[in-house]
Amino acid sequence: MVLPRFLYIWFAAVTLTALVAYKVPSGAQESQHQTCNEDAMIALDASGSMSGRYAGANMVRRIEKVRSALAKVLPNITQRRVGLITFGPGRSNQCNNIKLQLKPTPNAADLILGVVNNLVPTGGTPLTAAVEQAANVLDFHKKPGIIVVLTDGEETCGRSPCELGAQLHAEAKQLTIHVISLRVSDLSASMGEQTLLDTKCLAEQNNGLYVPVDTEDDLIAALEKTLGCPLDLKTKMVGNRLNSSPLGEMQLLP
């Protein structure tokens, strides 16, 4: 579509004015600010099972799917500070293999991806202790916060995620815990229904979501829902609309 220069400039000005003038209702604006003001911690399972193949996904390892999904989601998380704690790398019977990789930090995508891209999944799964440490990093007794647990397995160090969930709920100022389960349709015989219920309970006790995912698209959607802010998602949507609008197809006449 070819437009004279003055019409192109006029169209661009009108579009920009409409975007700037758009206002969120005051109540929703306040709610968004409050939600996005919470720090978040990603608790990432890096145990040996994460090197396994992702169900029905062309034999790609689960950790690789996590890397790919995080790379697509984290750069858009700009309204809240995000940190990372990992659990798993080490011996199979090791239960202190938990590492605080990054405290909640603004625009943390590059820092987090740098760590995740270099992880070599091995060892057991001290999931409960990792969540407990993530809560302490968030100073959960005094401040609101969000924990997003990314795991494909079960607690292997003898603790109960559900019991911890009840404890954190009782002691927290306002803590939300989401659990994204990477391997529901591909469960091993050793991971039964009770294990799923125990991990799901961790989220339910703390006003969070338990989200089973089977594909990378599912994982991206789950990360956006649990980590994202309304303003992050709105910015992404506006960008997508502008990129697909007629404005992007216009050419200037000399």
C-alpha atoms as a PDB file:
ATOM      1  CA  MET A   1       0.000   0.000   0.000  1.00  0.00           C
ATOM      2  CA  VAL A   2       1.573   3.313  -1.079  1.00  0.00           C
ATOM      3  CA  LEU A   3       0.606   6.542   0.692  1.00  0.00           C
ATOM      4  CA  PRO A   4       1.762  10.138   0.299  1.00  0.00           C
ATOM      5  CA  ARG A   5       4.162  11.112   3.060  1.00  0.00           C
ATOM      6  CA  PHE A   6       1.746  13.533   4.780  1.00  0.00           C
ATOM      7  CA  LEU A   7      -0.951  10.829   5.041  1.00  0.00           C
ATOM      8  CA  TYR A   8       1.545   8.337   6.467  1.00  0.00           C
ATOM      9  CA  ILE A   9       2.647  10.867   9.116  1.00  0.00           C
ATOM     10  CA  TRP A  10      -0.989  11.721   9.937  1.00  0.00           C
ATOM     11  CA  PHE A  11      -1.908   8.031  10.327  1.00  0.00           C
ATOM     12  CA  ALA A  12       1.098   7.354  12.550  1.00  0.00           C
ATOM     13  CA  ALA A  13       0.311  10.394  14.724  1.00  0.00           C
ATOM     14  CA  VAL A  14      -3.327   9.339  15.186  1.00  0.00           C
ATOM     15  CA  THR A  15      -2.300   5.771  16.115  1.00  0.00           C
ATOM     16  CA  LEU A  16       0.284   6.967  18.637  1.00  0.00           C
ATOM     17  CA  THR A  17      -2.148   9.460  20.160  1.00  0.00           C
ATOM     18  CA  ALA A  18      -4.763   6.741  20.631  1.00  0.00           C
ATOM     19  CA  LEU A  19      -2.279   4.459  22.349  1.00  0.00           C
ATOM     20  CA  VAL A  20      -1.003   7.188  24.673  1.00  0.00           C
ATOM     21  CA  ALA A  21      -4.504   8.425  25.471  1.00  0.00           C
ATOM     22  CA  TYR A  22      -5.778   4.978  26.416  1.00  0.00           C
ATOM     23  CA  LYS A  23      -6.234   4.783  30.167  1.00  0.00           C
ATOM     24  CA  VAL A  24      -6.867   1.816  32.395  1.00  0.00           C
ATOM     25  CA  PRO A  25      -9.736   2.418  34.849  1.00  0.00           C
ATOM     26  CA  SER A  26      -8.329   3.707  38.137  1.00  0.00           C
ATOM     27  CA  GLY A  27      -9.320   0.613  40.120  1.00  0.00           C
ATOM     28  CA  ALA A  28      -7.762  -1.754  37.603  1.00  0.00           C
ATOM     29  CA  GLN A  29      -4.680   0.477  37.369  1.00  0.00           C
ATOM     30  CA  GLU A  30      -4.189   0.298  41.136  1.00  0.00           C
ATOM     31  CA  SER A  31      -4.721  -3.478  41.105  1.00  0.00           C
ATOM     32  CA  GLN A  32      -2.132  -3.901  38.358  1.00  0.00           C
ATOM     33  CA  HIS A  33       0.400  -1.802  40.259  1.00  0.00           C
ATOM     34  CA  GLN A  34      -0.113  -3.796  43.434  1.00  0.00           C
ATOM     35  CA  THR A  35       0.203  -7.118  41.613  1.00  0.00           C
ATOM     36  CA  CYS A  36       3.301  -6.109  39.678  1.00  0.00           C
ATOM     37  CA  ASN A  37       4.949  -4.679  42.773  1.00  0.00           C
ATOM     38  CA  GLU A  38       5.556  -8.192  44.123  1.00  0.00           C
ATOM     39  CA  ASP A  39       8.993  -9.736  43.701  1.00  0.00           C
ATOM     40  CA  ALA A  40       9.098 -13.211  42.177  1.00  0.00           C
ATOM     41  CA  MET A  41      11.421 -16.187  42.507  1.00  0.00           C
ATOM     42  CA  ILE A  42      11.675 -18.988  39.974  1.00  0.00           C
ATOM     43  CA  ALA A  43      12.469 -22.299  41.712  1.00  0.00           C
ATOM     44  CA  LEU A  44      13.875 -24.431  38.897  1.00  0.00           C
ATOM     45  CA  ASP A  45      14.247 -28.196  39.067  1.00  0.00           C
ATOM     46  CA  ALA A  46      17.677 -29.128  37.692  1.00  0.00           C
ATOM     47  CA  SER A  47      17.668 -32.734  38.911  1.00  0.00           C
ATOM     48  CA  GLY A  48      18.670 -35.666  36.734  1.00  0.00           C
ATOM     49  CA  SER A  49      15.173 -36.249  35.367  1.00  0.00           C
ATOM     50  CA  MET A  50      15.226 -32.831  33.665  1.00  0.00           C
ATOM     51  CA  SER A  51      17.728 -34.229  31.196  1.00  0.00           C
ATOM     52  CA  GLY A  52      15.054 -36.689  30.086  1.00  0.00           C
ATOM     53  CA  ARG A  53      13.066 -36.356  26.901  1.00  0.00           C
ATOM     54  CA  TYR A  54       9.983 -34.179  26.837  1.00  0.00           C
ATOM     55  CA  ALA A  55       6.834 -36.176  26.152  1.00  0.00           C
ATOM     56  CA  GLY A  56       5.731 -36.002  22.532  1.00  0.00           C
ATOM     57  CA  ALA A  57       8.115 -33.196  21.621  1.00  0.00           C
ATOM     58  CA  ASN A  58      10.462 -34.717  19.059  1.00  0.00           C
ATOM     59  CA  MET A  59      12.740 -36.150  21.736  1.00  0.00           C
ATOM     60  CA  VAL A  60      13.918 -32.742  22.965  1.00  0.00           C
ATOM     61  CA  ARG A  61      15.187 -32.760  26.548  1.00  0.00           C
ATOM     62  CA  ARG A  62      12.967 -31.111  29.125  1.00  0.00           C
ATOM     63  CA  ILE A  63      15.671 -28.676  30.245  1.00  0.00           C
ATOM     64  CA  GLU A  64      16.007 -27.504  26.641  1.00  0.00           C
ATOM     65  CA  LYS A  65      12.287 -26.795  26.454  1.00  0.00           C
ATOM     66  CA  VAL A  66      12.561 -24.789  29.661  1.00  0.00           C
ATOM     67  CA  ARG A  67      15.463 -22.779  28.242  1.00  0.00           C
ATOM     68  CA  SER A  68      13.536 -22.044  25.067  1.00  0.00           C
ATOM     69  CA  ALA A  69      10.349 -21.023  26.892  1.00  0.00           C
ATOM     70  CA  LEU A  70      12.152 -18.803  29.389  1.00  0.00           C
ATOM     71  CA  ALA A  71      14.018 -17.087  26.552  1.00  0.00           C
ATOM     72  CA  LYS A  72      10.678 -16.157  24.989  1.00  0.00           C
ATOM     73  CA  VAL A  73       8.938 -15.056  28.199  1.00  0.00           C
ATOM     74  CA  LEU A  74      11.503 -13.403  30.490  1.00  0.00           C
ATOM     75  CA  PRO A  75      12.438 -10.463  28.221  1.00  0.00           C
ATOM     76  CA  ASN A  76       8.802  -9.346  28.455  1.00  0.00           C
ATOM     77  CA  ILE A  77       8.719  -9.455  32.267  1.00  0.00           C
ATOM     78  CA  THR A  78       9.692  -5.855  32.922  1.00  0.00           C
ATOM     79  CA  GLN A  79       7.230  -4.739  35.578  1.00  0.00           C
ATOM     80  CA  ARG A  80       8.507  -6.892  38.445  1.00  0.00           C
ATOM     81  CA  ARG A  81      11.850  -8.057  39.826  1.00  0.00           C
ATOM     82  CA  VAL A  82      12.610 -11.744  39.265  1.00  0.00           C
ATOM     83  CA  GLY A  83      15.174 -14.041  40.882  1.00  0.00           C
ATOM     84  CA  LEU A  84      16.266 -17.655  40.460  1.00  0.00           C
ATOM     85  CA  ILE A  85      16.971 -20.574  42.770  1.00  0.00           C
ATOM     86  CA  THR A  86      17.954 -23.986  41.392  1.00  0.00           C
ATOM     87  CA  PHE A  87      17.776 -27.401  42.979  1.00  0.00           C
ATOM     88  CA  GLY A  88      19.102 -30.727  41.765  1.00  0.00           C
ATOM     89  CA  PRO A  89      22.634 -30.609  40.386  1.00  0.00           C
ATOM     90  CA  GLY A  90      24.715 -33.047  42.454  1.00  0.00           C
ATOM     91  CA  ARG A  91      24.696 -36.658  43.622  1.00  0.00           C
ATOM     92  CA  SER A  92      21.453 -38.622  43.483  1.00  0.00           C
ATOM     93  CA  ASN A  93      21.268 -38.901  47.285  1.00  0.00           C
ATOM     94  CA  GLN A  94      22.222 -35.278  47.936  1.00  0.00           C
ATOM     95  CA  CYS A  95      19.622 -33.066  49.598  1.00  0.00           C
ATOM     96  CA  ASN A  96      21.523 -29.808  50.025  1.00  0.00           C
ATOM     97  CA  ASN A  97      22.062 -29.278  46.312  1.00  0.00           C
ATOM     98  CA  ILE A  98      20.177 -25.979  46.273  1.00  0.00           C
ATOM     99  CA  LYS A  99      21.715 -22.757  45.016  1.00  0.00           C
ATOM    100  CA  LEU A 100      20.476 -19.198  45.112  1.00  0.00           C
ATOM    101  CA  GLN A 101      21.528 -18.024  41.670  1.00  0.00           C
ATOM    102  CA  LEU A 102      19.994 -14.556  41.704  1.00  0.00           C
ATOM    103  CA  LYS A 103      18.007 -12.460  44.152  1.00  0.00           C
ATOM    104  CA  PRO A 104      15.013 -10.591  42.696  1.00  0.00           C
ATOM    105  CA  THR A 105      16.462  -8.193  40.137  1.00  0.00           C
ATOM    106  CA  PRO A 106      14.920  -5.795  37.598  1.00  0.00           C
ATOM    107  CA  ASN A 107      15.132  -6.853  33.946  1.00  0.00           C
ATOM    108  CA  ALA A 108      16.725 -10.140  34.965  1.00  0.00           C
ATOM    109  CA  ALA A 109      16.219 -12.045  31.695  1.00  0.00           C
ATOM    110  CA  ASP A 110      19.852 -12.116  30.553  1.00  0.00           C
ATOM    111  CA  LEU A 111      21.192 -13.025  33.995  1.00  0.00           C
ATOM    112  CA  ILE A 112      18.701 -15.847  34.501  1.00  0.00           C
ATOM    113  CA  LEU A 113      19.110 -17.232  30.994  1.00  0.00           C
ATOM    114  CA  GLY A 114      22.887 -17.204  31.409  1.00  0.00           C
ATOM    115  CA  VAL A 115      22.540 -19.514  34.414  1.00  0.00           C
ATOM    116  CA  VAL A 116      19.847 -21.769  32.944  1.00  0.00           C
ATOM    117  CA  ASN A 117      21.716 -22.242  29.686  1.00  0.00           C
ATOM    118  CA  ASN A 118      24.716 -23.605  31.594  1.00  0.00           C
ATOM    119  CA  LEU A 119      22.879 -25.980  33.923  1.00  0.00           C
ATOM    120  CA  VAL A 120      23.697 -29.684  33.675  1.00  0.00           C
ATOM    121  CA  PRO A 121      20.779 -31.568  35.293  1.00  0.00           C
ATOM    122  CA  THR A 122      21.871 -34.295  37.722  1.00  0.00           C
ATOM    123  CA  GLY A 123      21.021 -35.547  41.194  1.00  0.00           C
ATOM    124  CA  GLY A 124      17.924 -35.684  43.379  1.00  0.00           C
ATOM    125  CA  THR A 125      15.033 -33.312  43.995  1.00  0.00           C
ATOM    126  CA  PRO A 126      14.973 -31.331  47.273  1.00  0.00           C
ATOM    127  CA  LEU A 127      11.921 -29.436  46.018  1.00  0.00           C
ATOM    128  CA  THR A 128      10.470 -28.569  49.436  1.00  0.00           C
ATOM    129  CA  ALA A 129      13.679 -27.114  50.840  1.00  0.00           C
ATOM    130  CA  ALA A 130      14.192 -25.082  47.660  1.00  0.00           C
ATOM    131  CA  VAL A 131      10.742 -23.523  47.941  1.00  0.00           C
ATOM    132  CA  GLU A 132      11.386 -22.782  51.607  1.00  0.00           C
ATOM    133  CA  GLN A 133      14.642 -21.007  50.742  1.00  0.00           C
ATOM    134  CA  ALA A 134      12.947 -19.066  47.940  1.00  0.00           C
ATOM    135  CA  ALA A 135      10.318 -17.869  50.420  1.00  0.00           C
ATOM    136  CA  ASN A 136      13.047 -16.660  52.773  1.00  0.00           C
ATOM    137  CA  VAL A 137      14.763 -14.782  49.934  1.00  0.00           C
ATOM    138  CA  LEU A 138      11.454 -12.992  49.376  1.00  0.00           C
ATOM    139  CA  ASP A 139      11.301 -12.122  53.095  1.00  0.00           C
ATOM    140  CA  PHE A 140       7.859 -13.714  53.073  1.00  0.00           C
ATOM    141  CA  HIS A 141       7.069 -12.875  56.703  1.00  0.00           C
ATOM    142  CA  LYS A 142       7.110  -9.156  55.928  1.00  0.00           C
ATOM    143  CA  LYS A 143       6.552  -8.756  52.186  1.00  0.00           C
ATOM    144  CA  PRO A 144       4.226 -10.122  49.509  1.00  0.00           C
ATOM    145  CA  GLY A 145       5.895 -12.319  46.913  1.00  0.00           C
ATOM    146  CA  ILE A 146       5.469 -14.960  44.224  1.00  0.00           C
ATOM    147  CA  ILE A 147       7.247 -18.286  43.762  1.00  0.00           C
ATOM    148  CA  VAL A 148       6.976 -20.157  40.465  1.00  0.00           C
ATOM    149  CA  VAL A 149       8.138 -23.764  40.776  1.00  0.00           C
ATOM    150  CA  LEU A 150       9.210 -25.451  37.540  1.00  0.00           C
ATOM    151  CA  THR A 151       9.542 -29.193  38.071  1.00  0.00           C
ATOM    152  CA  ASP A 152       9.093 -32.503  36.302  1.00  0.00           C
ATOM    153  CA  GLY A 153       9.344 -34.735  39.326  1.00  0.00           C
ATOM    154  CA  GLU A 154       8.669 -35.387  42.969  1.00  0.00           C
ATOM    155  CA  GLU A 155      10.278 -34.527  46.273  1.00  0.00           C
ATOM    156  CA  THR A 156      13.046 -37.085  46.863  1.00  0.00           C
ATOM    157  CA  CYS A 157      14.460 -35.837  50.165  1.00  0.00           C
ATOM    158  CA  GLY A 158      11.735 -36.955  52.535  1.00  0.00           C
ATOM    159  CA  ARG A 159       9.889 -33.686  53.133  1.00  0.00           C
ATOM    160  CA  SER A 160       6.267 -32.866  52.340  1.00  0.00           C
ATOM    161  CA  PRO A 161       5.531 -29.968  49.957  1.00  0.00           C
ATOM    162  CA  CYS A 162       1.967 -29.886  51.260  1.00  0.00           C
ATOM    163  CA  GLU A 163       3.047 -29.504  54.887  1.00  0.00           C
ATOM    164  CA  LEU A 164       5.417 -26.705  53.920  1.00  0.00           C
ATOM    165  CA  GLY A 165       2.596 -25.067  51.986  1.00  0.00           C
ATOM    166  CA  ALA A 166       0.428 -24.965  55.095  1.00  0.00           C
ATOM    167  CA  GLN A 167       3.284 -23.578  57.175  1.00  0.00           C
ATOM    168  CA  LEU A 168       4.108 -20.827  54.695  1.00  0.00           C
ATOM    169  CA  HIS A 169       0.450 -19.865  54.360  1.00  0.00           C
ATOM    170  CA  ALA A 170       0.144 -19.528  58.120  1.00  0.00           C
ATOM    171  CA  GLU A 171       3.271 -17.384  58.481  1.00  0.00           C
ATOM    172  CA  ALA A 172       3.351 -15.329  55.266  1.00  0.00           C
ATOM    173  CA  LYS A 173       2.253 -11.757  54.801  1.00  0.00           C
ATOM    174  CA  GLN A 174       1.015 -12.574  51.296  1.00  0.00           C
ATOM    175  CA  LEU A 175       2.813 -15.366  49.460  1.00  0.00           C
ATOM    176  CA  THR A 176       1.605 -16.950  46.226  1.00  0.00           C
ATOM    177  CA  ILE A 177       3.117 -20.227  45.026  1.00  0.00           C
ATOM    178  CA  HIS A 178       2.496 -21.548  41.525  1.00  0.00           C
ATOM    179  CA  VAL A 179       3.618 -25.003  40.391  1.00  0.00           C
ATOM    180  CA  ILE A 180       4.240 -25.737  36.721  1.00  0.00           C
ATOM    181  CA  SER A 181       4.460 -29.508  36.252  1.00  0.00           C
ATOM    182  CA  LEU A 182       6.449 -30.492  33.173  1.00  0.00           C
ATOM    183  CA  ARG A 183       5.706 -34.189  33.028  1.00  0.00           C
ATOM    184  CA  VAL A 184       2.164 -35.237  33.814  1.00  0.00           C
ATOM    185  CA  SER A 185       1.331 -37.494  30.858  1.00  0.00           C
ATOM    186  CA  ASP A 186       4.775 -39.099  31.074  1.00  0.00           C
ATOM    187  CA  LEU A 187       4.844 -40.121  34.742  1.00  0.00           C
ATOM    188  CA  SER A 188       7.164 -42.867  35.872  1.00  0.00           C
ATOM    189  CA  ALA A 189       5.733 -45.740  37.877  1.00  0.00           C
ATOM    190  CA  SER A 190       7.355 -44.369  41.010  1.00  0.00           C
ATOM    191  CA  MET A 191       5.500 -41.047  40.784  1.00  0.00           C
ATOM    192  CA  GLY A 192       1.914 -41.800  41.692  1.00  0.00           C
ATOM    193  CA  GLU A 193      -1.243 -39.814  42.286  1.00  0.00           C
ATOM    194  CA  GLN A 194      -0.347 -38.989  45.891  1.00  0.00           C
ATOM    195  CA  THR A 195       2.869 -37.319  44.764  1.00  0.00           C
ATOM    196  CA  LEU A 196       0.914 -35.147  42.345  1.00  0.00           C
ATOM    197  CA  LEU A 197      -1.599 -34.250  45.031  1.00  0.00           C
ATOM    198  CA  ASP A 198       1.187 -33.336  47.453  1.00  0.00           C
ATOM    199  CA  THR A 199       2.811 -30.951  44.973  1.00  0.00           C
ATOM    200  CA  LYS A 200      -0.549 -29.559  43.884  1.00  0.00           C
ATOM    201  CA  CYS A 201      -1.378 -28.930  47.536  1.00  0.00           C
ATOM    202  CA  LEU A 202       1.670 -26.655  47.813  1.00  0.00           C
ATOM    203  CA  ALA A 203       0.107 -24.320  45.265  1.00  0.00           C
ATOM    204  CA  GLU A 204      -3.450 -24.581  46.570  1.00  0.00           C
ATOM    205  CA  GLN A 205      -2.391 -23.769  50.130  1.00  0.00           C
ATOM    206  CA  ASN A 206      -0.899 -20.507  48.884  1.00  0.00           C
ATOM    207  CA  ASN A 207      -3.486 -19.170  46.440  1.00  0.00           C
ATOM    208  CA  GLY A 208      -1.486 -20.399  43.455  1.00  0.00           C
ATOM    209  CA  LEU A 209      -2.043 -22.361  40.281  1.00  0.00           C
ATOM    210  CA  TYR A 210      -1.034 -25.925  39.564  1.00  0.00           C
ATOM    211  CA  VAL A 211      -0.437 -26.051  35.809  1.00  0.00           C
ATOM    212  CA  PRO A 212       0.405 -29.327  34.020  1.00  0.00           C
ATOM    213  CA  VAL A 213       2.137 -28.719  30.672  1.00  0.00           C
ATOM    214  CA  ASP A 214       2.970 -31.043  27.810  1.00  0.00           C
ATOM    215  CA  THR A 215       4.254 -28.719  25.072  1.00  0.00           C
ATOM    216  CA  GLU A 216       6.491 -25.682  24.834  1.00  0.00           C
ATOM    217  CA  ASP A 217       3.472 -23.528  23.969  1.00  0.00           C
ATOM    218  CA  ASP A 218       1.769 -24.755  27.150  1.00  0.00           C
ATOM    219  CA  LEU A 219       4.892 -23.882  29.131  1.00  0.00           C
ATOM    220  CA  ILE A 220       5.123 -20.390  27.630  1.00  0.00           C
ATOM    221  CA  ALA A 221       1.468 -19.730  28.453  1.00  0.00           C
ATOM    222  CA  ALA A 222       1.943 -20.983  32.021  1.00  0.00           C
ATOM    223  CA  LEU A 223       5.008 -18.779  32.568  1.00  0.00           C
ATOM    224  CA  GLU A 224       3.237 -15.725  31.191  1.00  0.00           C
ATOM    225  CA  LYS A 225       0.233 -16.360  33.423  1.00  0.00           C
ATOM    226  CA  THR A 226       2.237 -16.912  36.618  1.00  0.00           C
ATOM    227  CA  LEU A 227       5.118 -14.452  36.169  1.00  0.00           C
ATOM    228  CA  GLY A 228       3.647 -11.813  33.900  1.00  0.00           C
ATOM    229  CA  CYS A 229       1.913  -8.578  34.800  1.00  0.00           C
ATOM    230  CA  PRO A 230      -1.083  -7.083  33.003  1.00  0.00           C
ATOM    231  CA  LEU A 231       1.138  -4.242  31.792  1.00  0.00           C
ATOM    232  CA  ASP A 232       3.745  -6.664  30.424  1.00  0.00           C
ATOM    233  CA  LEU A 233       1.104  -8.568  28.486  1.00  0.00           C
ATOM    234  CA  LYS A 234      -0.552  -5.368  27.244  1.00  0.00           C
ATOM    235  CA  THR A 235       2.772  -4.050  25.938  1.00  0.00           C
ATOM    236  CA  LYS A 236       3.354  -7.342  24.135  1.00  0.00           C
ATOM    237  CA  MET A 237      -0.143  -7.257  22.611  1.00  0.00           C
ATOM    238  CA  VAL A 238       0.211  -3.637  21.428  1.00  0.00           C
ATOM    239  CA  GLY A 239       3.568  -4.479  19.848  1.00  0.00           C
ATOM    240  CA  ASN A 240       2.073  -7.456  18.057  1.00  0.00           C
ATOM    241  CA  ARG A 241      -0.843  -5.382  16.796  1.00  0.00           C
ATOM    242  CA  LEU A 242       1.407  -2.631  15.479  1.00  0.00           C
ATOM    243  CA  ASN A 243       3.616  -5.171  13.739  1.00  0.00           C
ATOM    244  CA  SER A 244       0.593  -6.725  12.037  1.00  0.00           C
ATOM    245  CA  SER A 245      -1.205  -3.445  11.256  1.00  0.00           C
ATOM    246  CA  PRO A 246      -1.465  -1.808   7.814  1.00  0.00           C
ATOM    247  CA  LEU A 247       1.026   0.772   9.073  1.00  0.00           C
ATOM    248  CA  GLY A 248       3.735  -1.866   8.870  1.00  0.00           C
ATOM    249  CA  GLU A 249       2.924  -2.463   5.208  1.00  0.00           C
ATOM    250  CA  MET A 250       2.865   1.187   4.104  1.00  0.00           C
ATOM    251  CA  GLN A 251       5.485   2.680   1.834  1.00  0.00           C
ATOM    252  CA  LEU A 252       6.303   6.369   1.500  1.00  0.00           C
ATOM    253  CA  LEU A 253       5.992   8.263  -1.743  1.00  0.00           C
ATOM    254  CA  PRO A 254       8.936  10.553  -2.347  1.00  0.00           C
END
